[in-house]
Full PDB file with SEQRES, HELIX, SHEET, SSBOND, CRYST1, ORIGX, SCALE, CONECT and MASTER records, all heavy atoms in Angstrom:
SEQRES   1 A   35  ALA ALA ILE GLY GLY ILE VAL GLY SER LEU ILE SER GLY          
SEQRES   2 A   35  ARG VAL ARG LYS ARG ILE GLY PHE GLY LYS VAL VAL ILE          
SEQRES   3 A   35  GLY SER GLU TRP ILE LEU ALA GLY LEU                          
HELIX    1 AA1 ALA A    2  ILE A   19  1                                  18    
HELIX    2 AA2 PHE A   21  GLY A   34  1                                  14    
CRYST1    1.000    1.000    1.000  90.00  90.00  90.00 P 1           1          
ORIGX1      1.000000  0.000000  0.000000        0.00000                         
ORIGX2      0.000000  1.000000  0.000000        0.00000                         
ORIGX3      0.000000  0.000000  1.000000        0.00000                         
SCALE1      1.000000  0.000000  0.000000        0.00000                         
SCALE2      0.000000  1.000000  0.000000        0.00000                         
SCALE3      0.000000  0.000000  1.000000        0.00000                         
ATOM      1  N   ALA A   1      76.927  33.494 129.809  1.00  0.00           N  
ATOM      2  CA  ALA A   1      77.061  31.984 129.995  1.00  0.00           C  
ATOM      3  C   ALA A   1      76.238  31.556 131.202  1.00  0.00           C  
ATOM      4  O   ALA A   1      75.699  30.428 131.141  1.00  0.00           O  
ATOM      5  CB  ALA A   1      78.539  31.837 130.331  1.00  0.00           C  
ATOM      6  N   ALA A   2      76.167  32.379 132.313  1.00  0.00           N  
ATOM      7  CA  ALA A   2      75.316  31.977 133.369  1.00  0.00           C  
ATOM      8  C   ALA A   2      73.872  31.898 133.026  1.00  0.00           C  
ATOM      9  O   ALA A   2      73.110  30.989 133.437  1.00  0.00           O  
ATOM     10  CB  ALA A   2      75.529  33.006 134.579  1.00  0.00           C  
ATOM     11  N   ILE A   3      73.419  32.843 132.272  1.00  0.00           N  
ATOM     12  CA  ILE A   3      71.975  32.771 131.747  1.00  0.00           C  
ATOM     13  C   ILE A   3      71.749  31.512 130.944  1.00  0.00           C  
ATOM     14  O   ILE A   3      70.644  30.929 131.040  1.00  0.00           O  
ATOM     15  CB  ILE A   3      71.640  34.105 130.956  1.00  0.00           C  
ATOM     16  CG1 ILE A   3      71.658  35.154 131.849  1.00  0.00           C  
ATOM     17  CG2 ILE A   3      70.278  33.954 130.285  1.00  0.00           C  
ATOM     18  CD1 ILE A   3      71.655  36.591 131.142  1.00  0.00           C  
ATOM     19  N   GLY A   4      72.719  31.158 130.075  1.00  0.00           N  
ATOM     20  CA  GLY A   4      72.519  29.989 129.263  1.00  0.00           C  
ATOM     21  C   GLY A   4      72.492  28.729 130.203  1.00  0.00           C  
ATOM     22  O   GLY A   4      71.649  27.870 129.888  1.00  0.00           O  
ATOM     23  N   GLY A   5      73.207  28.680 131.215  1.00  0.00           N  
ATOM     24  CA  GLY A   5      73.068  27.477 132.146  1.00  0.00           C  
ATOM     25  C   GLY A   5      71.707  27.395 132.756  1.00  0.00           C  
ATOM     26  O   GLY A   5      71.189  26.245 132.877  1.00  0.00           O  
ATOM     27  N   ILE A   6      71.186  28.570 133.159  1.00  0.00           N  
ATOM     28  CA  ILE A   6      69.866  28.493 133.761  1.00  0.00           C  
ATOM     29  C   ILE A   6      68.720  28.058 132.811  1.00  0.00           C  
ATOM     30  O   ILE A   6      68.008  27.247 133.055  1.00  0.00           O  
ATOM     31  CB  ILE A   6      69.482  29.942 134.341  1.00  0.00           C  
ATOM     32  CG1 ILE A   6      70.506  30.246 135.492  1.00  0.00           C  
ATOM     33  CG2 ILE A   6      68.075  29.911 134.778  1.00  0.00           C  
ATOM     34  CD1 ILE A   6      70.418  31.695 135.942  1.00  0.00           C  
ATOM     35  N   VAL A   7      68.868  28.625 131.580  1.00  0.00           N  
ATOM     36  CA  VAL A   7      67.995  28.186 130.516  1.00  0.00           C  
ATOM     37  C   VAL A   7      68.000  26.689 130.273  1.00  0.00           C  
ATOM     38  O   VAL A   7      66.974  26.013 130.063  1.00  0.00           O  
ATOM     39  CB  VAL A   7      68.223  29.012 129.287  1.00  0.00           C  
ATOM     40  CG1 VAL A   7      67.288  28.618 128.176  1.00  0.00           C  
ATOM     41  CG2 VAL A   7      67.928  30.445 129.498  1.00  0.00           C  
ATOM     42  N   GLY A   8      69.222  26.249 130.167  1.00  0.00           N  
ATOM     43  CA  GLY A   8      69.430  24.764 129.862  1.00  0.00           C  
ATOM     44  C   GLY A   8      68.847  23.862 130.925  1.00  0.00           C  
ATOM     45  O   GLY A   8      68.267  22.948 130.601  1.00  0.00           O  
ATOM     46  N   SER A   9      69.099  24.284 132.150  1.00  0.00           N  
ATOM     47  CA  SER A   9      68.402  23.476 133.260  1.00  0.00           C  
ATOM     48  C   SER A   9      66.961  23.517 133.246  1.00  0.00           C  
ATOM     49  O   SER A   9      66.248  22.476 133.562  1.00  0.00           O  
ATOM     50  CB  SER A   9      68.969  24.002 134.575  1.00  0.00           C  
ATOM     51  OG  SER A   9      68.518  25.294 134.858  1.00  0.00           O  
ATOM     52  N   LEU A  10      66.351  24.616 132.822  1.00  0.00           N  
ATOM     53  CA  LEU A  10      64.907  24.666 132.710  1.00  0.00           C  
ATOM     54  C   LEU A  10      64.296  23.841 131.681  1.00  0.00           C  
ATOM     55  O   LEU A  10      63.140  23.455 131.715  1.00  0.00           O  
ATOM     56  CB  LEU A  10      64.482  26.181 132.581  1.00  0.00           C  
ATOM     57  CG  LEU A  10      64.776  27.175 133.779  1.00  0.00           C  
ATOM     58  CD1 LEU A  10      64.374  28.568 133.403  1.00  0.00           C  
ATOM     59  CD2 LEU A  10      63.975  26.652 134.901  1.00  0.00           C  
ATOM     60  N   ILE A  11      65.012  23.747 130.535  1.00  0.00           N  
ATOM     61  CA  ILE A  11      64.379  22.926 129.397  1.00  0.00           C  
ATOM     62  C   ILE A  11      64.859  21.623 129.337  1.00  0.00           C  
ATOM     63  O   ILE A  11      64.430  20.850 128.425  1.00  0.00           O  
ATOM     64  CB  ILE A  11      64.702  23.750 128.027  1.00  0.00           C  
ATOM     65  CG1 ILE A  11      66.274  23.651 127.786  1.00  0.00           C  
ATOM     66  CG2 ILE A  11      64.217  25.200 128.081  1.00  0.00           C  
ATOM     67  CD1 ILE A  11      66.649  24.194 126.400  1.00  0.00           C  
ATOM     68  N   SER A  12      65.730  21.180 130.089  1.00  0.00           N  
ATOM     69  CA  SER A  12      66.410  19.793 130.078  1.00  0.00           C  
ATOM     70  C   SER A  12      65.326  18.713 130.001  1.00  0.00           C  
ATOM     71  O   SER A  12      65.394  17.664 129.396  1.00  0.00           O  
ATOM     72  CB  SER A  12      67.400  19.579 131.161  1.00  0.00           C  
ATOM     73  OG  SER A  12      66.730  19.688 132.462  1.00  0.00           O  
ATOM     74  N   GLY A  13      64.303  18.839 130.960  1.00  0.00           N  
ATOM     75  CA  GLY A  13      63.264  17.781 131.081  1.00  0.00           C  
ATOM     76  C   GLY A  13      62.528  17.649 129.780  1.00  0.00           C  
ATOM     77  O   GLY A  13      62.234  16.508 129.282  1.00  0.00           O  
ATOM     78  N   ARG A  14      62.101  18.697 129.188  1.00  0.00           N  
ATOM     79  CA  ARG A  14      61.414  18.687 127.963  1.00  0.00           C  
ATOM     80  C   ARG A  14      62.243  18.036 126.812  1.00  0.00           C  
ATOM     81  O   ARG A  14      61.721  17.340 125.893  1.00  0.00           O  
ATOM     82  CB  ARG A  14      60.939  20.080 127.491  1.00  0.00           C  
ATOM     83  CG  ARG A  14      59.889  20.717 128.472  1.00  0.00           C  
ATOM     84  CD  ARG A  14      59.494  22.040 128.048  1.00  0.00           C  
ATOM     85  NE  ARG A  14      58.497  22.588 128.984  1.00  0.00           N  
ATOM     86  CZ  ARG A  14      58.010  23.910 128.932  1.00  0.00           C  
ATOM     87  NH1 ARG A  14      58.367  24.648 127.814  1.00  0.00           N  
ATOM     88  NH2 ARG A  14      57.173  24.326 129.798  1.00  0.00           N  
ATOM     89  N   VAL A  15      63.517  18.533 126.851  1.00  0.00           N  
ATOM     90  CA  VAL A  15      64.433  18.038 125.771  1.00  0.00           C  
ATOM     91  C   VAL A  15      64.628  16.560 125.767  1.00  0.00           C  
ATOM     92  O   VAL A  15      64.571  15.849 124.803  1.00  0.00           O  
ATOM     93  CB  VAL A  15      65.783  18.675 125.783  1.00  0.00           C  
ATOM     94  CG1 VAL A  15      66.901  18.031 124.837  1.00  0.00           C  
ATOM     95  CG2 VAL A  15      65.741  20.193 125.511  1.00  0.00           C  
ATOM     96  N   ARG A  16      64.687  15.985 127.081  1.00  0.00           N  
ATOM     97  CA  ARG A  16      64.943  14.482 127.177  1.00  0.00           C  
ATOM     98  C   ARG A  16      63.681  13.864 126.759  1.00  0.00           C  
ATOM     99  O   ARG A  16      63.598  12.718 126.082  1.00  0.00           O  
ATOM    100  CB  ARG A  16      65.219  14.133 128.619  1.00  0.00           C  
ATOM    101  CG  ARG A  16      65.389  12.683 128.750  1.00  0.00           C  
ATOM    102  CD  ARG A  16      65.477  12.285 130.266  1.00  0.00           C  
ATOM    103  NE  ARG A  16      65.318  10.907 130.418  1.00  0.00           N  
ATOM    104  CZ  ARG A  16      64.117  10.222 130.485  1.00  0.00           C  
ATOM    105  NH1 ARG A  16      62.965  11.040 130.421  1.00  0.00           N  
ATOM    106  NH2 ARG A  16      64.010   8.955 130.466  1.00  0.00           N  
ATOM    107  N   LYS A  17      62.480  14.329 127.122  1.00  0.00           N  
ATOM    108  CA  LYS A  17      61.192  13.606 126.749  1.00  0.00           C  
ATOM    109  C   LYS A  17      60.980  13.652 125.274  1.00  0.00           C  
ATOM    110  O   LYS A  17      60.477  12.782 124.698  1.00  0.00           O  
ATOM    111  CB  LYS A  17      60.050  14.373 127.433  1.00  0.00           C  
ATOM    112  CG  LYS A  17      60.038  14.111 129.016  1.00  0.00           C  
ATOM    113  CD  LYS A  17      58.810  14.836 129.579  1.00  0.00           C  
ATOM    114  CE  LYS A  17      58.714  14.580 131.168  1.00  0.00           C  
ATOM    115  NZ  LYS A  17      57.616  15.308 131.783  1.00  0.00           N  
ATOM    116  N   ARG A  18      61.455  14.690 124.636  1.00  0.00           N  
ATOM    117  CA  ARG A  18      61.143  14.956 123.212  1.00  0.00           C  
ATOM    118  C   ARG A  18      62.132  14.037 122.386  1.00  0.00           C  
ATOM    119  O   ARG A  18      61.590  13.463 121.343  1.00  0.00           O  
ATOM    120  CB  ARG A  18      61.392  16.414 122.788  1.00  0.00           C  
ATOM    121  CG  ARG A  18      61.086  16.655 121.293  1.00  0.00           C  
ATOM    122  CD  ARG A  18      61.115  18.128 121.036  1.00  0.00           C  
ATOM    123  NE  ARG A  18      59.961  18.812 121.682  1.00  0.00           N  
ATOM    124  CZ  ARG A  18      58.772  19.025 121.105  1.00  0.00           C  
ATOM    125  NH1 ARG A  18      58.595  18.506 119.856  1.00  0.00           N  
ATOM    126  NH2 ARG A  18      57.724  19.532 121.702  1.00  0.00           N  
ATOM    127  N   ILE A  19      63.454  14.010 122.663  1.00  0.00           N  
ATOM    128  CA  ILE A  19      64.416  13.295 121.841  1.00  0.00           C  
ATOM    129  C   ILE A  19      65.006  12.132 122.406  1.00  0.00           C  
ATOM    130  O   ILE A  19      65.672  11.369 121.712  1.00  0.00           O  
ATOM    131  CB  ILE A  19      65.494  14.200 121.385  1.00  0.00           C  
ATOM    132  CG1 ILE A  19      66.408  14.644 122.459  1.00  0.00           C  
ATOM    133  CG2 ILE A  19      64.890  15.618 120.719  1.00  0.00           C  
ATOM    134  CD1 ILE A  19      67.609  15.555 122.067  1.00  0.00           C  
ATOM    135  N   GLY A  20      64.925  11.883 123.814  1.00  0.00           N  
ATOM    136  CA  GLY A  20      65.390  10.641 124.362  1.00  0.00           C  
ATOM    137  C   GLY A  20      66.777  10.849 124.937  1.00  0.00           C  
ATOM    138  O   GLY A  20      67.581  11.723 124.604  1.00  0.00           O  
ATOM    139  N   PHE A  21      67.141  10.017 126.005  1.00  0.00           N  
ATOM    140  CA  PHE A  21      68.350  10.084 126.606  1.00  0.00           C  
ATOM    141  C   PHE A  21      69.531   9.940 125.828  1.00  0.00           C  
ATOM    142  O   PHE A  21      70.427  10.735 125.801  1.00  0.00           O  
ATOM    143  CB  PHE A  21      68.359   9.076 127.830  1.00  0.00           C  
ATOM    144  CG  PHE A  21      69.599   9.036 128.543  1.00  0.00           C  
ATOM    145  CD1 PHE A  21      69.969   9.974 129.586  1.00  0.00           C  
ATOM    146  CD2 PHE A  21      70.579   7.896 128.304  1.00  0.00           C  
ATOM    147  CE1 PHE A  21      71.127   9.840 130.276  1.00  0.00           C  
ATOM    148  CE2 PHE A  21      71.754   7.913 129.008  1.00  0.00           C  
ATOM    149  CZ  PHE A  21      71.979   8.813 130.121  1.00  0.00           C  
ATOM    150  N   GLY A  22      69.672   8.909 124.987  1.00  0.00           N  
ATOM    151  CA  GLY A  22      70.736   8.612 124.164  1.00  0.00           C  
ATOM    152  C   GLY A  22      71.014   9.683 123.245  1.00  0.00           C  
ATOM    153  O   GLY A  22      72.190  10.113 123.040  1.00  0.00           O  
ATOM    154  N   LYS A  23      70.112  10.217 122.546  1.00  0.00           N  
ATOM    155  CA  LYS A  23      70.241  11.415 121.618  1.00  0.00           C  
ATOM    156  C   LYS A  23      70.684  12.627 122.272  1.00  0.00           C  
ATOM    157  O   LYS A  23      71.489  13.276 121.751  1.00  0.00           O  
ATOM    158  CB  LYS A  23      68.975  11.560 120.870  1.00  0.00           C  
ATOM    159  CG  LYS A  23      68.530  10.423 119.894  1.00  0.00           C  
ATOM    160  CD  LYS A  23      67.283  10.727 119.128  1.00  0.00           C  
ATOM    161  CE  LYS A  23      66.938   9.557 118.173  1.00  0.00           C  
ATOM    162  NZ  LYS A  23      65.676   9.787 117.515  1.00  0.00           N  
ATOM    163  N   VAL A  24      70.213  12.764 123.560  1.00  0.00           N  
ATOM    164  CA  VAL A  24      70.770  13.973 124.192  1.00  0.00           C  
ATOM    165  C   VAL A  24      72.283  13.730 124.590  1.00  0.00           C  
ATOM    166  O   VAL A  24      72.982  14.862 124.212  1.00  0.00           O  
ATOM    167  CB  VAL A  24      70.005  14.239 125.529  1.00  0.00           C  
ATOM    168  CG1 VAL A  24      70.670  15.238 126.483  1.00  0.00           C  
ATOM    169  CG2 VAL A  24      68.633  14.513 125.325  1.00  0.00           C  
ATOM    170  N   VAL A  25      72.688  12.665 124.944  1.00  0.00           N  
ATOM    171  CA  VAL A  25      74.131  12.451 125.204  1.00  0.00           C  
ATOM    172  C   VAL A  25      74.955  12.661 123.983  1.00  0.00           C  
ATOM    173  O   VAL A  25      75.903  13.336 123.970  1.00  0.00           O  
ATOM    174  CB  VAL A  25      74.289  11.066 125.923  1.00  0.00           C  
ATOM    175  CG1 VAL A  25      75.803  10.749 126.034  1.00  0.00           C  
ATOM    176  CG2 VAL A  25      73.581  11.051 127.207  1.00  0.00           C  
ATOM    177  N   ILE A  26      74.449  11.991 122.980  1.00  0.00           N  
ATOM    178  CA  ILE A  26      75.292  11.956 121.716  1.00  0.00           C  
ATOM    179  C   ILE A  26      75.241  13.376 121.064  1.00  0.00           C  
ATOM    180  O   ILE A  26      76.237  13.984 120.713  1.00  0.00           O  
ATOM    181  CB  ILE A  26      74.741  10.963 120.768  1.00  0.00           C  
ATOM    182  CG1 ILE A  26      74.981   9.578 121.185  1.00  0.00           C  
ATOM    183  CG2 ILE A  26      75.354  11.147 119.351  1.00  0.00           C  
ATOM    184  CD1 ILE A  26      74.318   8.451 120.425  1.00  0.00           C  
ATOM    185  N   GLY A  27      74.009  13.935 120.902  1.00  0.00           N  
ATOM    186  CA  GLY A  27      73.831  15.287 120.337  1.00  0.00           C  
ATOM    187  C   GLY A  27      74.610  16.363 121.044  1.00  0.00           C  
ATOM    188  O   GLY A  27      75.212  17.196 120.427  1.00  0.00           O  
ATOM    189  N   SER A  28      74.620  16.420 122.443  1.00  0.00           N  
ATOM    190  CA  SER A  28      75.365  17.416 123.095  1.00  0.00           C  
ATOM    191  C   SER A  28      76.736  17.359 122.904  1.00  0.00           C  
ATOM    192  O   SER A  28      77.455  18.398 122.805  1.00  0.00           O  
ATOM    193  CB  SER A  28      74.930  17.319 124.659  1.00  0.00           C  
ATOM    194  OG  SER A  28      75.403  16.085 125.090  1.00  0.00           O  
ATOM    195  N   GLU A  29      77.420  16.130 122.689  1.00  0.00           N  
ATOM    196  CA  GLU A  29      78.829  16.018 122.509  1.00  0.00           C  
ATOM    197  C   GLU A  29      79.188  16.696 121.153  1.00  0.00           C  
ATOM    198  O   GLU A  29      80.157  17.472 121.015  1.00  0.00           O  
ATOM    199  CB  GLU A  29      79.304  14.646 122.532  1.00  0.00           C  
ATOM    200  CG  GLU A  29      79.068  13.885 123.964  1.00  0.00           C  
ATOM    201  CD  GLU A  29      79.838  14.682 125.056  1.00  0.00           C  
ATOM    202  OE1 GLU A  29      81.010  15.181 124.763  1.00  0.00           O  
ATOM    203  OE2 GLU A  29      79.456  14.680 126.210  1.00  0.00           O  
ATOM    204  N   TRP A  30      78.343  16.423 120.134  1.00  0.00           N  
ATOM    205  CA  TRP A  30      78.605  16.981 118.780  1.00  0.00           C  
ATOM    206  C   TRP A  30      78.388  18.418 118.736  1.00  0.00           C  
ATOM    207  O   TRP A  30      79.225  19.289 118.213  1.00  0.00           O  
ATOM    208  CB  TRP A  30      77.760  16.308 117.813  1.00  0.00           C  
ATOM    209  CG  TRP A  30      78.209  14.898 117.390  1.00  0.00           C  
ATOM    210  CD1 TRP A  30      77.567  13.683 117.714  1.00  0.00           C  
ATOM    211  CD2 TRP A  30      79.461  14.573 116.683  1.00  0.00           C  
ATOM    212  NE1 TRP A  30      78.338  12.721 117.197  1.00  0.00           N  
ATOM    213  CE2 TRP A  30      79.412  13.183 116.581  1.00  0.00           C  
ATOM    214  CE3 TRP A  30      80.448  15.299 116.073  1.00  0.00           C  
ATOM    215  CZ2 TRP A  30      80.509  12.459 115.861  1.00  0.00           C  
ATOM    216  CZ3 TRP A  30      81.509  14.622 115.452  1.00  0.00           C  
ATOM    217  CH2 TRP A  30      81.537  13.223 115.330  1.00  0.00           C  
ATOM    218  N   ILE A  31      77.427  18.885 119.483  1.00  0.00           N  
ATOM    219  CA  ILE A  31      77.107  20.378 119.575  1.00  0.00           C  
ATOM    220  C   ILE A  31      78.248  21.061 120.176  1.00  0.00           C  
ATOM    221  O   ILE A  31      78.746  22.119 119.784  1.00  0.00           O  
ATOM    222  CB  ILE A  31      75.735  20.528 120.268  1.00  0.00           C  
ATOM    223  CG1 ILE A  31      74.572  20.059 119.403  1.00  0.00           C  
ATOM    224  CG2 ILE A  31      75.574  22.079 120.576  1.00  0.00           C  
ATOM    225  CD1 ILE A  31      73.241  20.129 120.123  1.00  0.00           C  
ATOM    226  N   LEU A  32      78.698  20.491 121.342  1.00  0.00           N  
ATOM    227  CA  LEU A  32      79.747  21.186 122.037  1.00  0.00           C  
ATOM    228  C   LEU A  32      81.130  21.243 121.190  1.00  0.00           C  
ATOM    229  O   LEU A  32      81.880  22.186 121.248  1.00  0.00           O  
ATOM    230  CB  LEU A  32      80.090  20.402 123.401  1.00  0.00           C  
ATOM    231  CG  LEU A  32      79.034  20.729 124.434  1.00  0.00           C  
ATOM    232  CD1 LEU A  32      79.215  19.896 125.636  1.00  0.00           C  
ATOM    233  CD2 LEU A  32      78.964  22.196 124.862  1.00  0.00           C  
ATOM    234  N   ALA A  33      81.369  20.154 120.461  1.00  0.00           N  
ATOM    235  CA  ALA A  33      82.494  20.227 119.625  1.00  0.00           C  
ATOM    236  C   ALA A  33      82.481  21.213 118.588  1.00  0.00           C  
ATOM    237  O   ALA A  33      83.392  21.942 118.335  1.00  0.00           O  
ATOM    238  CB  ALA A  33      82.701  18.799 118.984  1.00  0.00           C  
ATOM    239  N   GLY A  34      81.289  21.435 117.965  1.00  0.00           N  
ATOM    240  CA  GLY A  34      81.108  22.436 116.989  1.00  0.00           C  
ATOM    241  C   GLY A  34      81.180  23.875 117.641  1.00  0.00           C  
ATOM    242  O   GLY A  34      81.781  24.777 117.112  1.00  0.00           O  
ATOM    243  N   LEU A  35      80.459  24.073 118.714  1.00  0.00           N  
ATOM    244  CA  LEU A  35      80.532  25.398 119.471  1.00  0.00           C  
ATOM    245  C   LEU A  35      81.894  25.781 119.803  1.00  0.00           C  
ATOM    246  O   LEU A  35      82.239  26.860 119.817  1.00  0.00           O  
ATOM    247  CB  LEU A  35      79.518  25.409 120.610  1.00  0.00           C  
ATOM    248  CG  LEU A  35      78.073  25.359 120.299  1.00  0.00           C  
ATOM    249  CD1 LEU A  35      77.274  25.149 121.556  1.00  0.00           C  
ATOM    250  CD2 LEU A  35      77.568  26.588 119.471  1.00  0.00           C  
TER     251      LEU A  35                                                      
MASTER        0    0    0    2    0    0    0    6  250    1    0    3          
END                                                                             
């Protein structure tokens, strides 16, 4: 879990630039519900 958190923080900038702020907020909520 700790490794996942580190990886997430490292790729967050690229993810936001690629898909946009709103899609990150919406998509992350759906992903977390599924996970």
